[in-house]
Amino acid sequence: MASRLKITLVRSMVGRPEKHRKVLRGMGLTRMNKTVELEDTPAVRGMANKVSHLVRVEETK
């Protein structure tokens, strides 16, 4: 079974660059405290690293 990442938006995207907003929308995060579970792939890890100051990432199984 592949591992998954639980990603929660903990800081607002208001006033952030458009690139950050697009990354968050691409992950499915549209509002504060929303949590999504995504497959643990290099692409998703890269997206999470780009906005690491805005999200909380937890590994789940």
N, C-alpha and C. Protein backbone atom coordinates (compact mmCIF):
# COMPACT_ATOMS: atom_id res chain seq x y z
N MET A 1 0.84 -1.18 0.00
CA MET A 1 0.00 0.00 0.00
C MET A 1 0.88 1.24 0.00
N ALA A 2 0.62 2.14 -0.90
CA ALA A 2 1.42 3.36 -1.02
C ALA A 2 1.08 4.32 0.11
N SER A 3 2.10 5.04 0.57
CA SER A 3 1.84 6.01 1.63
C SER A 3 1.19 7.26 1.06
N ARG A 4 0.58 8.01 1.93
CA ARG A 4 -0.14 9.22 1.52
C ARG A 4 0.32 10.38 2.38
N LEU A 5 0.07 11.58 1.91
CA LEU A 5 0.37 12.79 2.65
C LEU A 5 -0.92 13.49 3.02
N LYS A 6 -1.02 13.90 4.26
CA LYS A 6 -2.17 14.67 4.73
C LYS A 6 -1.70 16.12 4.81
N ILE A 7 -2.24 16.98 3.96
CA ILE A 7 -1.78 18.37 3.84
C ILE A 7 -2.90 19.30 4.27
N THR A 8 -2.59 20.20 5.21
CA THR A 8 -3.56 21.14 5.74
C THR A 8 -3.07 22.56 5.52
N LEU A 9 -3.95 23.42 5.02
CA LEU A 9 -3.62 24.84 4.83
C LEU A 9 -3.77 25.54 6.18
N VAL A 10 -2.67 26.03 6.75
CA VAL A 10 -2.70 26.64 8.08
C VAL A 10 -2.50 28.15 8.05
N ARG A 11 -2.03 28.70 6.92
CA ARG A 11 -1.88 30.14 6.79
C ARG A 11 -2.58 30.59 5.52
N SER A 12 -3.12 31.78 5.56
CA SER A 12 -3.91 32.29 4.45
C SER A 12 -3.07 32.54 3.21
N MET A 13 -3.71 32.39 2.04
CA MET A 13 -3.03 32.68 0.79
C MET A 13 -3.25 34.13 0.34
N VAL A 14 -3.94 34.92 1.15
CA VAL A 14 -4.17 36.33 0.84
C VAL A 14 -2.82 37.06 0.85
N GLY A 15 -2.55 37.79 -0.20
CA GLY A 15 -1.31 38.56 -0.29
C GLY A 15 -0.11 37.74 -0.73
N ARG A 16 -0.31 36.48 -1.09
CA ARG A 16 0.78 35.63 -1.55
C ARG A 16 0.91 35.74 -3.06
N PRO A 17 2.08 35.42 -3.60
CA PRO A 17 2.26 35.48 -5.06
C PRO A 17 1.32 34.50 -5.78
N GLU A 18 1.01 34.81 -7.01
CA GLU A 18 0.08 33.98 -7.79
C GLU A 18 0.61 32.55 -7.95
N LYS A 19 1.92 32.38 -8.05
CA LYS A 19 2.49 31.03 -8.16
C LYS A 19 2.12 30.18 -6.95
N HIS A 20 2.18 30.76 -5.75
CA HIS A 20 1.82 30.03 -4.54
C HIS A 20 0.35 29.67 -4.55
N ARG A 21 -0.49 30.59 -4.98
CA ARG A 21 -1.93 30.34 -5.04
C ARG A 21 -2.25 29.19 -6.00
N LYS A 22 -1.57 29.18 -7.15
CA LYS A 22 -1.81 28.13 -8.13
C LYS A 22 -1.38 26.77 -7.60
N VAL A 23 -0.28 26.73 -6.86
CA VAL A 23 0.18 25.47 -6.27
C VAL A 23 -0.85 24.97 -5.27
N LEU A 24 -1.35 25.86 -4.42
CA LEU A 24 -2.34 25.47 -3.42
C LEU A 24 -3.63 24.98 -4.07
N ARG A 25 -4.09 25.68 -5.10
CA ARG A 25 -5.30 25.25 -5.80
C ARG A 25 -5.08 23.92 -6.50
N GLY A 26 -3.89 23.71 -7.02
CA GLY A 26 -3.56 22.46 -7.67
C GLY A 26 -3.61 21.28 -6.72
N MET A 27 -3.32 21.54 -5.46
CA MET A 27 -3.40 20.48 -4.45
C MET A 27 -4.81 20.33 -3.89
N GLY A 28 -5.71 21.26 -4.25
CA GLY A 28 -7.08 21.18 -3.77
C GLY A 28 -7.34 21.95 -2.50
N LEU A 29 -6.41 22.82 -2.13
CA LEU A 29 -6.57 23.63 -0.91
C LEU A 29 -7.13 24.99 -1.30
N THR A 30 -8.37 25.26 -0.89
CA THR A 30 -9.03 26.49 -1.31
C THR A 30 -9.35 27.41 -0.15
N ARG A 31 -9.31 26.91 1.08
CA ARG A 31 -9.61 27.77 2.23
C ARG A 31 -8.84 27.29 3.45
N MET A 32 -8.77 28.13 4.45
CA MET A 32 -8.02 27.85 5.67
C MET A 32 -8.53 26.58 6.36
N ASN A 33 -7.61 25.84 6.94
CA ASN A 33 -7.87 24.62 7.71
C ASN A 33 -8.48 23.49 6.90
N LYS A 34 -8.48 23.60 5.59
CA LYS A 34 -8.94 22.49 4.76
C LYS A 34 -7.80 21.47 4.66
N THR A 35 -8.16 20.20 4.74
CA THR A 35 -7.18 19.12 4.67
C THR A 35 -7.48 18.24 3.47
N VAL A 36 -6.42 17.87 2.76
CA VAL A 36 -6.55 16.94 1.64
C VAL A 36 -5.54 15.81 1.84
N GLU A 37 -5.89 14.63 1.35
CA GLU A 37 -4.97 13.50 1.36
C GLU A 37 -4.56 13.22 -0.06
N LEU A 38 -3.26 13.27 -0.31
CA LEU A 38 -2.73 13.07 -1.65
C LEU A 38 -1.71 11.94 -1.64
N GLU A 39 -1.53 11.31 -2.79
CA GLU A 39 -0.54 10.26 -2.95
C GLU A 39 0.85 10.85 -2.72
N ASP A 40 1.72 10.09 -2.08
CA ASP A 40 3.08 10.56 -1.79
C ASP A 40 3.96 10.34 -3.02
N THR A 41 4.00 11.35 -3.90
CA THR A 41 4.82 11.28 -5.12
C THR A 41 5.81 12.44 -5.09
N PRO A 42 6.87 12.35 -5.90
CA PRO A 42 7.81 13.47 -5.96
C PRO A 42 7.16 14.79 -6.36
N ALA A 43 6.16 14.73 -7.24
CA ALA A 43 5.49 15.96 -7.67
C ALA A 43 4.75 16.62 -6.51
N VAL A 44 4.03 15.82 -5.74
CA VAL A 44 3.28 16.36 -4.60
C VAL A 44 4.24 16.86 -3.53
N ARG A 45 5.33 16.14 -3.30
CA ARG A 45 6.35 16.59 -2.34
C ARG A 45 6.92 17.94 -2.75
N GLY A 46 7.18 18.11 -4.04
CA GLY A 46 7.72 19.38 -4.55
C GLY A 46 6.74 20.52 -4.36
N MET A 47 5.46 20.25 -4.61
CA MET A 47 4.44 21.28 -4.43
C MET A 47 4.37 21.68 -2.95
N ALA A 48 4.41 20.70 -2.07
CA ALA A 48 4.34 20.97 -0.63
C ALA A 48 5.56 21.77 -0.17
N ASN A 49 6.72 21.48 -0.75
CA ASN A 49 7.93 22.21 -0.38
C ASN A 49 7.88 23.66 -0.83
N LYS A 50 7.25 23.93 -1.97
CA LYS A 50 7.14 25.30 -2.48
C LYS A 50 6.33 26.19 -1.55
N VAL A 51 5.32 25.62 -0.89
CA VAL A 51 4.45 26.40 0.00
C VAL A 51 4.54 25.88 1.44
N SER A 52 5.71 25.39 1.82
CA SER A 52 5.88 24.78 3.15
C SER A 52 5.58 25.75 4.28
N HIS A 53 5.72 27.05 4.03
CA HIS A 53 5.45 28.05 5.05
C HIS A 53 3.94 28.29 5.23
N LEU A 54 3.12 27.71 4.36
CA LEU A 54 1.67 27.90 4.44
C LEU A 54 0.91 26.63 4.84
N VAL A 55 1.56 25.49 4.78
CA VAL A 55 0.86 24.21 4.99
C VAL A 55 1.53 23.39 6.09
N ARG A 56 0.75 22.44 6.62
CA ARG A 56 1.29 21.43 7.54
C ARG A 56 1.16 20.10 6.82
N VAL A 57 2.26 19.33 6.78
CA VAL A 57 2.27 18.05 6.06
C VAL A 57 2.52 16.93 7.06
N GLU A 58 1.67 15.90 6.99
CA GLU A 58 1.81 14.71 7.84
C GLU A 58 1.79 13.49 6.95
N GLU A 59 2.62 12.51 7.27
CA GLU A 59 2.63 11.26 6.52
C GLU A 59 1.63 10.31 7.14
N THR A 60 0.82 9.66 6.30
CA THR A 60 -0.13 8.67 6.77
C THR A 60 0.04 7.42 5.91
N LYS A 61 -0.62 6.34 6.33
CA LYS A 61 -0.55 5.11 5.54
C LYS A 61 -1.85 4.80 4.89
